[in-house]
Each structure stands twice: as structure tokens, then as C-alpha cells.
PDB file of N, CA and C in Angstrom:
ATOM      1  N   UNK A   1     126.926  84.328 104.674  1.00  0.00           N
ATOM      2  CA  UNK A   1     126.604  83.973 103.237  1.00  0.00           C
ATOM      3  C   UNK A   1     126.120  84.714 102.778  1.00  0.00           C
ATOM      4  N   UNK A   2     126.401  84.519 101.037  1.00  0.00           N
ATOM      5  CA  UNK A   2     126.133  85.169 100.138  1.00  0.00           C
ATOM      6  C   UNK A   2     125.033  85.030  99.908  1.00  0.00           C
ATOM      7  N   UNK A   3     123.860  86.229  99.304  1.00  0.00           N
ATOM      8  CA  UNK A   3     122.745  85.884  98.301  1.00  0.00           C
ATOM      9  C   UNK A   3     123.168  85.664  96.946  1.00  0.00           C
ATOM     10  N   UNK A   4     123.138  84.425  96.377  1.00  0.00           N
ATOM     11  CA  UNK A   4     123.225  84.622  95.363  1.00  0.00           C
ATOM     12  C   UNK A   4     122.285  84.964  94.044  1.00  0.00           C
ATOM     13  N   UNK A   5     122.258  84.830  93.342  1.00  0.00           N
ATOM     14  CA  UNK A   5     121.157  84.941  92.009  1.00  0.00           C
ATOM     15  C   UNK A   5     119.946  83.501  91.620  1.00  0.00           C
ATOM     16  N   UNK A   6     120.766  82.533  92.652  1.00  0.00           N
ATOM     17  CA  UNK A   6     120.327  81.705  92.325  1.00  0.00           C
ATOM     18  C   UNK A   6     119.224  81.360  93.788  1.00  0.00           C
ATOM     19  N   UNK A   7     119.624  81.801  94.661  1.00  0.00           N
ATOM     20  CA  UNK A   7     118.514  82.314  95.692  1.00  0.00           C
ATOM     21  C   UNK A   7     116.962  82.903  95.488  1.00  0.00           C
ATOM     22  N   UNK A   8     117.378  84.169  95.190  1.00  0.00           N
ATOM     23  CA  UNK A   8     116.077  84.788  94.163  1.00  0.00           C
ATOM     24  C   UNK A   8     115.675  84.166  93.423  1.00  0.00           C
ATOM     25  N   UNK A   9     115.732  83.166  92.395  1.00  0.00           N
ATOM     26  CA  UNK A   9     114.977  82.488  91.340  1.00  0.00           C
ATOM     27  C   UNK A   9     114.390  81.338  91.812  1.00  0.00           C
ATOM     28  N   UNK A  10     115.090  80.627  93.039  1.00  0.00           N
ATOM     29  CA  UNK A  10     114.537  80.010  94.246  1.00  0.00           C
ATOM     30  C   UNK A  10     113.020  80.224  94.739  1.00  0.00           C
ATOM     31  N   UNK A  11     113.373  81.749  95.271  1.00  0.00           N
ATOM     32  CA  UNK A  11     112.352  81.656  95.743  1.00  0.00           C
ATOM     33  C   UNK A  11     111.335  82.911  94.763  1.00  0.00           C
ATOM     34  N   UNK A  12     111.808  83.124  93.147  1.00  0.00           N
ATOM     35  CA  UNK A  12     110.631  83.339  92.319  1.00  0.00           C
ATOM     36  C   UNK A  12     110.194  82.205  91.869  1.00  0.00           C
ATOM     37  N   UNK A  13     110.493  81.056  91.315  1.00  0.00           N
ATOM     38  CA  UNK A  13     110.197  80.056  91.172  1.00  0.00           C
ATOM     39  C   UNK A  13     108.896  79.142  92.491  1.00  0.00           C
ATOM     40  N   UNK A  14     109.814  79.021  93.554  1.00  0.00           N
ATOM     41  CA  UNK A  14     108.274  78.723  95.122  1.00  0.00           C
ATOM     42  C   UNK A  14     107.510  79.327  95.272  1.00  0.00           C
ATOM     43  N   UNK A  15     107.461  81.252  94.315  1.00  0.00           N
ATOM     44  CA  UNK A  15     105.945  82.211  94.894  1.00  0.00           C
ATOM     45  C   UNK A  15     105.110  81.669  93.569  1.00  0.00           C
ATOM     46  N   UNK A  16     106.170  81.365  92.063  1.00  0.00           N
ATOM     47  CA  UNK A  16     105.227  80.846  90.924  1.00  0.00           C
ATOM     48  C   UNK A  16     104.460  79.694  91.163  1.00  0.00           C
ATOM     49  N   UNK A  17     105.035  78.815  91.742  1.00  0.00           N
ATOM     50  CA  UNK A  17     104.421  77.179  91.867  1.00  0.00           C
ATOM     51  C   UNK A  17     103.207  77.162  92.668  1.00  0.00           C
ATOM     52  N   UNK A  18     103.524  78.643  93.781  1.00  0.00           N
ATOM     53  CA  UNK A  18     102.453  78.564  95.022  1.00  0.00           C
ATOM     54  C   UNK A  18     101.039  79.215  94.600  1.00  0.00           C
ATOM     55  N   UNK A  19     101.132  80.090  93.219  1.00  0.00           N
ATOM     56  CA  UNK A  19     100.352  80.601  92.328  1.00  0.00           C
ATOM     57  C   UNK A  19      99.555  80.228  91.579  1.00  0.00           C
ATOM     58  N   UNK A  20     100.737  79.247  91.121  1.00  0.00           N
ATOM     59  CA  UNK A  20      99.787  78.242  89.866  1.00  0.00           C
ATOM     60  C   UNK A  20      98.926  76.685  90.770  1.00  0.00           C
ATOM     61  N   UNK A  21      99.448  76.577  91.677  1.00  0.00           N
ATOM     62  CA  UNK A  21      98.845  75.513  92.361  1.00  0.00           C
ATOM     63  C   UNK A  21      97.687  76.096  92.984  1.00  0.00           C
ATOM     64  N   UNK A  22      97.646  77.999  93.283  1.00  0.00           N
ATOM     65  CA  UNK A  22      96.627  78.384  93.794  1.00  0.00           C
ATOM     66  C   UNK A  22      95.080  78.870  92.500  1.00  0.00           C
ATOM     67  N   UNK A  23      95.492  78.728  91.196  1.00  0.00           N
ATOM     68  CA  UNK A  23      95.024  78.956  90.049  1.00  0.00           C
ATOM     69  C   UNK A  23      94.424  77.566  89.948  1.00  0.00           C
ATOM     70  N   UNK A  24      94.521  76.847  89.900  1.00  0.00           N
ATOM     71  CA  UNK A  24      94.487  75.185  89.538  1.00  0.00           C
ATOM     72  C   UNK A  24      93.504  74.676  90.790  1.00  0.00           C
ATOM     73  N   UNK A  25      93.810  74.928  91.764  1.00  0.00           N
ATOM     74  CA  UNK A  25      93.335  74.515  93.095  1.00  0.00           C
ATOM     75  C   UNK A  25      91.366  74.743  93.425  1.00  0.00           C
ATOM     76  N   UNK A  26      91.774  76.237  93.308  1.00  0.00           N
ATOM     77  CA  UNK A  26      90.381  77.272  94.369  1.00  0.00           C
ATOM     78  C   UNK A  26      89.485  76.961  93.162  1.00  0.00           C
ATOM     79  N   UNK A  27      88.492  77.265  93.685  1.00  0.00           N
ATOM     80  CA  UNK A  27      87.506  77.623  92.660  1.00  0.00           C
ATOM     81  C   UNK A  27      86.874  79.364  93.179  1.00  0.00           C
ATOM     82  N   UNK A  28      87.323  80.082  94.217  1.00  0.00           N
ATOM     83  CA  UNK A  28      86.838  81.136  94.419  1.00  0.00           C
ATOM     84  C   UNK A  28      87.438  82.277  93.520  1.00  0.00           C
ATOM     85  N   UNK A  29      86.680  83.189  93.033  1.00  0.00           N
ATOM     86  CA  UNK A  29      87.625  83.874  91.648  1.00  0.00           C
ATOM     87  C   UNK A  29      88.379  84.496  92.452  1.00  0.00           C
ATOM     88  N   UNK A  30      88.319  85.494  93.359  1.00  0.00           N
ATOM     89  CA  UNK A  30      88.698  86.082  94.034  1.00  0.00           C
ATOM     90  C   UNK A  30      90.169  85.638  94.844  1.00  0.00           C
ATOM     91  N   UNK A  31      90.058  84.799  95.055  1.00  0.00           N
ATOM     92  CA  UNK A  31      91.564  83.209  95.470  1.00  0.00           C
ATOM     93  C   UNK A  31      92.752  83.657  94.173  1.00  0.00           C
ATOM     94  N   UNK A  32      91.466  82.791  92.933  1.00  0.00           N
ATOM     95  CA  UNK A  32      92.364  82.413  91.931  1.00  0.00           C
ATOM     96  C   UNK A  32      92.650  83.648  91.168  1.00  0.00           C
ATOM     97  N   UNK A  33      92.799  85.275  91.050  1.00  0.00           N
ATOM     98  CA  UNK A  33      92.831  86.544  91.187  1.00  0.00           C
ATOM     99  C   UNK A  33      94.143  87.010  91.989  1.00  0.00           C
ATOM    100  N   UNK A  34      93.863  86.478  92.935  1.00  0.00           N
ATOM    101  CA  UNK A  34      95.216  87.049  93.732  1.00  0.00           C
ATOM    102  C   UNK A  34      96.046  86.235  93.329  1.00  0.00           C
ATOM    103  N   UNK A  35      96.255  84.785  93.117  1.00  0.00           N
ATOM    104  CA  UNK A  35      97.026  83.086  92.628  1.00  0.00           C
ATOM    105  C   UNK A  35      97.626  84.317  91.352  1.00  0.00           C
ATOM    106  N   UNK A  36      97.217  84.728  90.580  1.00  0.00           N
ATOM    107  CA  UNK A  36      97.344  84.847  89.354  1.00  0.00           C
ATOM    108  C   UNK A  36      98.464  86.167  89.859  1.00  0.00           C
ATOM    109  N   UNK A  37      97.865  87.595  90.519  1.00  0.00           N
ATOM    110  CA  UNK A  37      99.144  88.634  91.056  1.00  0.00           C
ATOM    111  C   UNK A  37     100.141  87.593  91.317  1.00  0.00           C
ATOM    112  N   UNK A  38     100.104  86.448  92.044  1.00  0.00           N
ATOM    113  CA  UNK A  38     101.295  86.109  92.546  1.00  0.00           C
ATOM    114  C   UNK A  38     101.735  85.512  92.088  1.00  0.00           C
ATOM    115  N   UNK A  39     101.314  84.956  91.112  1.00  0.00           N
ATOM    116  CA  UNK A  39     102.413  84.222  89.228  1.00  0.00           C
ATOM    117  C   UNK A  39     103.509  85.528  88.809  1.00  0.00           C
ATOM    118  N   UNK A  40     102.015  86.770  89.102  1.00  0.00           N
ATOM    119  CA  UNK A  40     102.728  87.968  88.217  1.00  0.00           C
ATOM    120  C   UNK A  40     104.265  88.315  89.361  1.00  0.00           C
ATOM    121  N   UNK A  41     103.905  88.650  90.275  1.00  0.00           N
ATOM    122  CA  UNK A  41     104.740  89.546  91.389  1.00  0.00           C
ATOM    123  C   UNK A  41     106.505  88.201  91.151  1.00  0.00           C
ATOM    124  N   UNK A  42     106.224  87.182  90.971  1.00  0.00           N
ATOM    125  CA  UNK A  42     107.112  86.182  91.410  1.00  0.00           C
ATOM    126  C   UNK A  42     108.095  86.256  89.372  1.00  0.00           C
ATOM    127  N   UNK A  43     107.046  86.483  88.545  1.00  0.00           N
ATOM    128  CA  UNK A  43     108.668  86.911  87.487  1.00  0.00           C
ATOM    129  C   UNK A  43     109.020  88.263  87.201  1.00  0.00           C
ATOM    130  N   UNK A  44     107.992  89.365  88.153  1.00  0.00           N
ATOM    131  CA  UNK A  44     108.380  90.385  88.047  1.00  0.00           C
ATOM    132  C   UNK A  44     109.860  90.288  89.006  1.00  0.00           C
ATOM    133  N   UNK A  45     109.633  89.275  90.168  1.00  0.00           N
ATOM    134  CA  UNK A  45     110.874  89.085  91.192  1.00  0.00           C
ATOM    135  C   UNK A  45     112.033  88.744  89.957  1.00  0.00           C
ATOM    136  N   UNK A  46     111.722  87.925  89.514  1.00  0.00           N
ATOM    137  CA  UNK A  46     112.963  86.668  88.493  1.00  0.00           C
ATOM    138  C   UNK A  46     113.571  88.329  87.683  1.00  0.00           C
ATOM    139  N   UNK A  47     112.588  89.000  87.121  1.00  0.00           N
ATOM    140  CA  UNK A  47     113.220  89.811  85.773  1.00  0.00           C
ATOM    141  C   UNK A  47     114.122  90.727  86.839  1.00  0.00           C
ATOM    142  N   UNK A  48     114.208  90.768  88.467  1.00  0.00           N
ATOM    143  CA  UNK A  48     114.543  92.298  88.901  1.00  0.00           C
ATOM    144  C   UNK A  48     116.068  91.978  89.038  1.00  0.00           C
ATOM    145  N   UNK A  49     115.788  90.342  89.685  1.00  0.00           N
ATOM    146  CA  UNK A  49     116.710  89.879  90.059  1.00  0.00           C
ATOM    147  C   UNK A  49     117.719  89.618  88.291  1.00  0.00           C
ATOM    148  N   UNK A  50     117.375  88.960  87.643  1.00  0.00           N
ATOM    149  CA  UNK A  50     118.920  88.773  86.672  1.00  0.00           C
ATOM    150  C   UNK A  50     119.384  90.292  86.051  1.00  0.00           C
ATOM    151  N   UNK A  51     118.317  91.440  86.311  1.00  0.00           N
ATOM    152  CA  UNK A  51     118.862  92.763  86.148  1.00  0.00           C
ATOM    153  C   UNK A  51     119.823  92.783  87.283  1.00  0.00           C
ATOM    154  N   UNK A  52     119.451  92.577  88.151  1.00  0.00           N
ATOM    155  CA  UNK A  52     120.586  93.047  89.359  1.00  0.00           C
ATOM    156  C   UNK A  52     121.729  92.706  89.097  1.00  0.00           C
ATOM    157  N   UNK A  53     122.111  91.605  88.399  1.00  0.00           N
ATOM    158  CA  UNK A  53     123.078  90.588  88.554  1.00  0.00           C
ATOM    159  C   UNK A  53     123.556  90.740  87.490  1.00  0.00           C
ATOM    160  N   UNK A  54     123.184  91.219  86.231  1.00  0.00           N
ATOM    161  CA  UNK A  54     123.518  91.359  84.943  1.00  0.00           C
ATOM    162  C   UNK A  54     124.180  92.962  84.677  1.00  0.00           C
ATOM    163  N   UNK A  55     123.846  93.979  85.846  1.00  0.00           N
ATOM    164  CA  UNK A  55     124.079  95.546  86.131  1.00  0.00           C
ATOM    165  C   UNK A  55     124.024  95.906  85.047  1.00  0.00           C
ATOM    166  N   UNK A  56     122.257  95.665  84.654  1.00  0.00           N
ATOM    167  CA  UNK A  56     121.455  96.532  83.802  1.00  0.00           C
ATOM    168  C   UNK A  56     120.972  96.389  83.981  1.00  0.00           C
ATOM    169  N   UNK A  57     119.451  97.931  83.528  1.00  0.00           N
ATOM    170  CA  UNK A  57     118.520  98.006  84.030  1.00  0.00           C
ATOM    171  C   UNK A  57     117.532  97.965  82.766  1.00  0.00           C
ATOM    172  N   UNK A  58     117.657  96.555  82.061  1.00  0.00           N
ATOM    173  CA  UNK A  58     116.738  96.653  81.723  1.00  0.00           C
ATOM    174  C   UNK A  58     115.165  96.193  81.691  1.00  0.00           C
ATOM    175  N   UNK A  59     115.610  94.602  83.231  1.00  0.00           N
ATOM    176  CA  UNK A  59     114.293  93.919  83.862  1.00  0.00           C
ATOM    177  C   UNK A  59     113.604  95.249  84.444  1.00  0.00           C
ATOM    178  N   UNK A  60     114.081  96.109  85.137  1.00  0.00           N
ATOM    179  CA  UNK A  60     113.276  96.680  86.423  1.00  0.00           C
ATOM    180  C   UNK A  60     112.990  97.775  85.682  1.00  0.00           C
ATOM    181  N   UNK A  61     113.176  98.302  84.658  1.00  0.00           N
ATOM    182  CA  UNK A  61     112.192  99.374  83.314  1.00  0.00           C
ATOM    183  C   UNK A  61     111.604  98.257  82.925  1.00  0.00           C
ATOM    184  N   UNK A  62     111.376  97.170  82.658  1.00  0.00           N
ATOM    185  CA  UNK A  62     109.804  96.588  82.101  1.00  0.00           C
ATOM    186  C   UNK A  62     108.747  95.807  83.051  1.00  0.00           C
ATOM    187  N   UNK A  63     109.746  96.146  84.621  1.00  0.00           N
ATOM    188  CA  UNK A  63     108.785  95.705  85.989  1.00  0.00           C
ATOM    189  C   UNK A  63     107.938  96.913  85.938  1.00  0.00           C
ATOM    190  N   UNK A  64     108.762  98.162  85.754  1.00  0.00           N
ATOM    191  CA  UNK A  64     107.388  99.053  85.684  1.00  0.00           C
ATOM    192  C   UNK A  64     106.211  98.968  84.921  1.00  0.00           C
ATOM    193  N   UNK A  65     106.804  98.768  83.833  1.00  0.00           N
ATOM    194  CA  UNK A  65     105.696  98.345  83.401  1.00  0.00           C
ATOM    195  C   UNK A  65     104.748  97.616  83.450  1.00  0.00           C
ATOM    196  N   UNK A  66     104.976  96.312  83.622  1.00  0.00           N
ATOM    197  CA  UNK A  66     104.808  95.554  83.835  1.00  0.00           C
ATOM    198  C   UNK A  66     103.351  95.572  85.193  1.00  0.00           C
ATOM    199  N   UNK A  67     103.739  96.219  86.042  1.00  0.00           N
ATOM    200  CA  UNK A  67     103.415  97.292  87.275  1.00  0.00           C
ATOM    201  C   UNK A  67     102.493  97.909  86.979  1.00  0.00           C
ATOM    202  N   UNK A  68     102.304  98.384  86.377  1.00  0.00           N
ATOM    203  CA  UNK A  68     101.405  99.887  85.745  1.00  0.00           C
ATOM    204  C   UNK A  68     100.112  98.984  84.539  1.00  0.00           C
ATOM    205  N   UNK A  69     100.467  97.919  84.156  1.00  0.00           N
ATOM    206  CA  UNK A  69      99.679  97.091  82.847  1.00  0.00           C
ATOM    207  C   UNK A  69      98.653  95.918  84.799  1.00  0.00           C
ATOM    208  N   UNK A  70      99.375  95.464  85.623  1.00  0.00           N
ATOM    209  CA  UNK A  70      98.560  95.004  86.315  1.00  0.00           C
ATOM    210  C   UNK A  70      97.938  95.619  87.207  1.00  0.00           C
ATOM    211  N   UNK A  71      98.092  97.419  87.311  1.00  0.00           N
ATOM    212  CA  UNK A  71      97.375  98.215  88.324  1.00  0.00           C
ATOM    213  C   UNK A  71      96.126  97.789  87.462  1.00  0.00           C
ATOM    214  N   UNK A  72      95.605  98.324  85.969  1.00  0.00           N
ATOM    215  CA  UNK A  72      94.894  98.269  85.200  1.00  0.00           C
ATOM    216  C   UNK A  72      94.324  97.163  85.503  1.00  0.00           C
ATOM    217  N   UNK A  73      95.103  96.110  85.688  1.00  0.00           N
ATOM    218  CA  UNK A  73      93.897  94.702  85.639  1.00  0.00           C
ATOM    219  C   UNK A  73      93.131  94.447  86.366  1.00  0.00           C
ATOM    220  N   UNK A  74      94.178  94.971  87.711  1.00  0.00           N
ATOM    221  CA  UNK A  74      93.070  94.926  89.062  1.00  0.00           C
ATOM    222  C   UNK A  74      92.093  95.324  89.232  1.00  0.00           C
ATOM    223  N   UNK A  75      91.696  96.983  88.286  1.00  0.00           N
ATOM    224  CA  UNK A  75      90.738  97.807  88.175  1.00  0.00           C
ATOM    225  C   UNK A  75      89.606  96.777  87.460  1.00  0.00           C
ATOM    226  N   UNK A  76      89.711  96.685  86.331  1.00  0.00           N
ATOM    227  CA  UNK A  76      89.087  95.487  85.192  1.00  0.00           C
ATOM    228  C   UNK A  76      88.186  94.283  86.540  1.00  0.00           C
ATOM    229  N   UNK A  77      89.374  93.442  86.819  1.00  0.00           N
ATOM    230  CA  UNK A  77      89.416  92.409  87.306  1.00  0.00           C
ATOM    231  C   UNK A  77      88.507  92.419  88.524  1.00  0.00           C
ATOM    232  N   UNK A  78      88.552  93.351  89.591  1.00  0.00           N
ATOM    233  CA  UNK A  78      87.763  93.859  90.430  1.00  0.00           C
ATOM    234  C   UNK A  78      86.120  94.118  90.087  1.00  0.00           C
ATOM    235  N   UNK A  79      86.256  95.188  89.542  1.00  0.00           N
ATOM    236  CA  UNK A  79      85.546  95.894  89.056  1.00  0.00           C
ATOM    237  C   UNK A  79      84.463  94.143  88.383  1.00  0.00           C
ATOM    238  N   UNK A  80      84.903  93.108  87.443  1.00  0.00           N
ATOM    239  CA  UNK A  80      84.185  91.790  86.714  1.00  0.00           C
ATOM    240  C   UNK A  80      83.888  91.285  87.933  1.00  0.00           C
ATOM    241  N   UNK A  81      84.207  90.836  89.320  1.00  0.00           N
ATOM    242  CA  UNK A  81      84.307  90.161  90.431  1.00  0.00           C
ATOM    243  C   UNK A  81      83.222  90.663  91.615  1.00  0.00           C
ATOM    244  N   UNK A  82      83.141  92.089  91.334  1.00  0.00           N
ATOM    245  CA  UNK A  82      81.710  92.956  92.364  1.00  0.00           C
ATOM    246  C   UNK A  82      81.028  92.087  91.394  1.00  0.00           C
ATOM    247  N   UNK A  83      80.745  92.689  90.440  1.00  0.00           N
ATOM    248  CA  UNK A  83      79.764  92.639  89.271  1.00  0.00           C
ATOM    249  C   UNK A  83      79.256  91.030  89.537  1.00  0.00           C
ATOM    250  N   UNK A  84      79.542  90.048  89.437  1.00  0.00           N
ATOM    251  CA  UNK A  84      79.341  88.934  89.602  1.00  0.00           C
ATOM    252  C   UNK A  84      78.553  88.497  90.819  1.00  0.00           C
ATOM    253  N   UNK A  85      79.272  88.754  92.203  1.00  0.00           N
ATOM    254  CA  UNK A  85      79.018  89.014  93.713  1.00  0.00           C
ATOM    255  C   UNK A  85      77.393  89.316  93.557  1.00  0.00           C
ATOM    256  N   UNK A  86      77.200  90.344  93.200  1.00  0.00           N
ATOM    257  CA  UNK A  86      76.235  91.616  93.235  1.00  0.00           C
ATOM    258  C   UNK A  86      75.020  90.760  92.170  1.00  0.00           C
ATOM    259  N   UNK A  87      75.334  90.193  91.315  1.00  0.00           N
ATOM    260  CA  UNK A  87      74.194  89.007  90.557  1.00  0.00           C
ATOM    261  C   UNK A  87      73.804  88.022  90.988  1.00  0.00           C
ATOM    262  N   UNK A  88      74.626  87.353  91.682  1.00  0.00           N
ATOM    263  CA  UNK A  88      75.060  85.837  91.710  1.00  0.00           C
ATOM    264  C   UNK A  88      75.181  86.063  93.428  1.00  0.00           C
ATOM    265  N   UNK A  89      75.673  86.602  94.457  1.00  0.00           N
ATOM    266  CA  UNK A  89      75.965  86.648  95.574  1.00  0.00           C
ATOM    267  C   UNK A  89      76.512  85.211  96.026  1.00  0.00           C
ATOM    268  N   UNK A  90      77.786  84.875  94.881  1.00  0.00           N
ATOM    269  CA  UNK A  90      78.523  84.620  94.769  1.00  0.00           C
ATOM    270  C   UNK A  90      79.396  84.239  94.240  1.00  0.00           C
ATOM    271  N   UNK A  91      80.866  84.168  94.351  1.00  0.00           N
ATOM    272  CA  UNK A  91      82.197  84.701  93.466  1.00  0.00           C
ATOM    273  C   UNK A  91      82.496  83.179  93.552  1.00  0.00           C
ATOM    274  N   UNK A  92      82.055  82.269  92.772  1.00  0.00           N
ATOM    275  CA  UNK A  92      82.659  80.884  91.872  1.00  0.00           C
ATOM    276  C   UNK A  92      82.578  80.746  90.621  1.00  0.00           C
ATOM    277  N   UNK A  93      83.890  80.069  90.650  1.00  0.00           N
ATOM    278  CA  UNK A  93      83.959  79.952  89.244  1.00  0.00           C
ATOM    279  C   UNK A  93      82.943  79.299  88.198  1.00  0.00           C
ATOM    280  N   UNK A  94      82.105  78.552  88.604  1.00  0.00           N
ATOM    281  CA  UNK A  94      81.007  77.745  88.309  1.00  0.00           C
ATOM    282  C   UNK A  94      80.085  78.738  87.870  1.00  0.00           C
ATOM    283  N   UNK A  95      79.741  80.034  88.829  1.00  0.00           N
ATOM    284  CA  UNK A  95      78.828  81.420  88.599  1.00  0.00           C
ATOM    285  C   UNK A  95      78.977  82.027  87.153  1.00  0.00           C
ATOM    286  N   UNK A  96      80.016  81.806  86.899  1.00  0.00           N
ATOM    287  CA  UNK A  96      80.197  82.566  85.288  1.00  0.00           C
ATOM    288  C   UNK A  96      79.905  82.085  83.830  1.00  0.00           C
ATOM    289  N   UNK A  97      79.440  80.957  83.688  1.00  0.00           N
ATOM    290  CA  UNK A  97      78.843  79.919  82.773  1.00  0.00           C
ATOM    291  C   UNK A  97      77.333  81.063  83.270  1.00  0.00           C
ATOM    292  N   UNK A  98      76.923  81.376  84.333  1.00  0.00           N
ATOM    293  CA  UNK A  98      75.511  82.214  83.964  1.00  0.00           C
ATOM    294  C   UNK A  98      75.321  83.541  83.283  1.00  0.00           C
ATOM    295  N   UNK A  99      76.517  84.193  83.670  1.00  0.00           N
ATOM    296  CA  UNK A  99      76.652  85.261  83.205  1.00  0.00           C
ATOM    297  C   UNK A  99      75.978  85.709  81.811  1.00  0.00           C
ATOM    298  N   UNK A 100      75.822  84.569  80.659  1.00  0.00           N
ATOM    299  CA  UNK A 100      75.769  84.938  79.816  1.00  0.00           C
ATOM    300  C   UNK A 100      74.499  85.116  79.480  1.00  0.00           C
ATOM    301  N   UNK A 101      74.787  85.897  77.786  1.00  0.00           N
ATOM    302  CA  UNK A 101      73.128  86.449  77.362  1.00  0.00           C
ATOM    303  C   UNK A 101      72.185  85.397  76.834  1.00  0.00           C
TER     304      UNK A 101
END
């Protein structure tokens, strides 16, 4: 069996859909954050697969930049979640409104 571009795109679509479902359905900020990262990795998989099957490196170079930005996003996002948890002893979305001044 030959693994083609369609197979990679189906996996990417399934990962993106699972991440979107996690963002929509969950209330815990950490789970929402992990779902957003799953969606970002699904987009990376699609970019790499397009790049691989077109024999160009443009998509792979773009993925490196996306991973770099995602690493900074992880640092900031986790710091915000930890700050919220320390203040409210909870990491639910409803507690974000209580962080207003």
C-alpha cells in the first residue's frame, strides 16, 4: 500500500477536528490549550505533507517558524494559566472574568 498525500491530509483533518472539538466542548483551560496546540500541529502536518509531495522546502521552513512561535506561546500561555490557578485555585474558563481589575 502506498501512503499518498490524501492519507496525510485525512490524518491532519482528523487531528484538527479533534482539537476543534476539544476547544469547543471543554471548560478547563489546560485542555483547551492542549487542543489549540493539537490544531496547530495538524496544520503543521498538512504543510509538511504538501511540501514533501511538491518536492519543495517552503512548507518545511514555514513549519520551523511556526514551531518557534508556538514555543513562545507555550511559555506565555502556561504562565497565564498558572497565575489564574494560583489566584482562584481553579483553571476553568469561567474564572477568567474574575481576573478583571
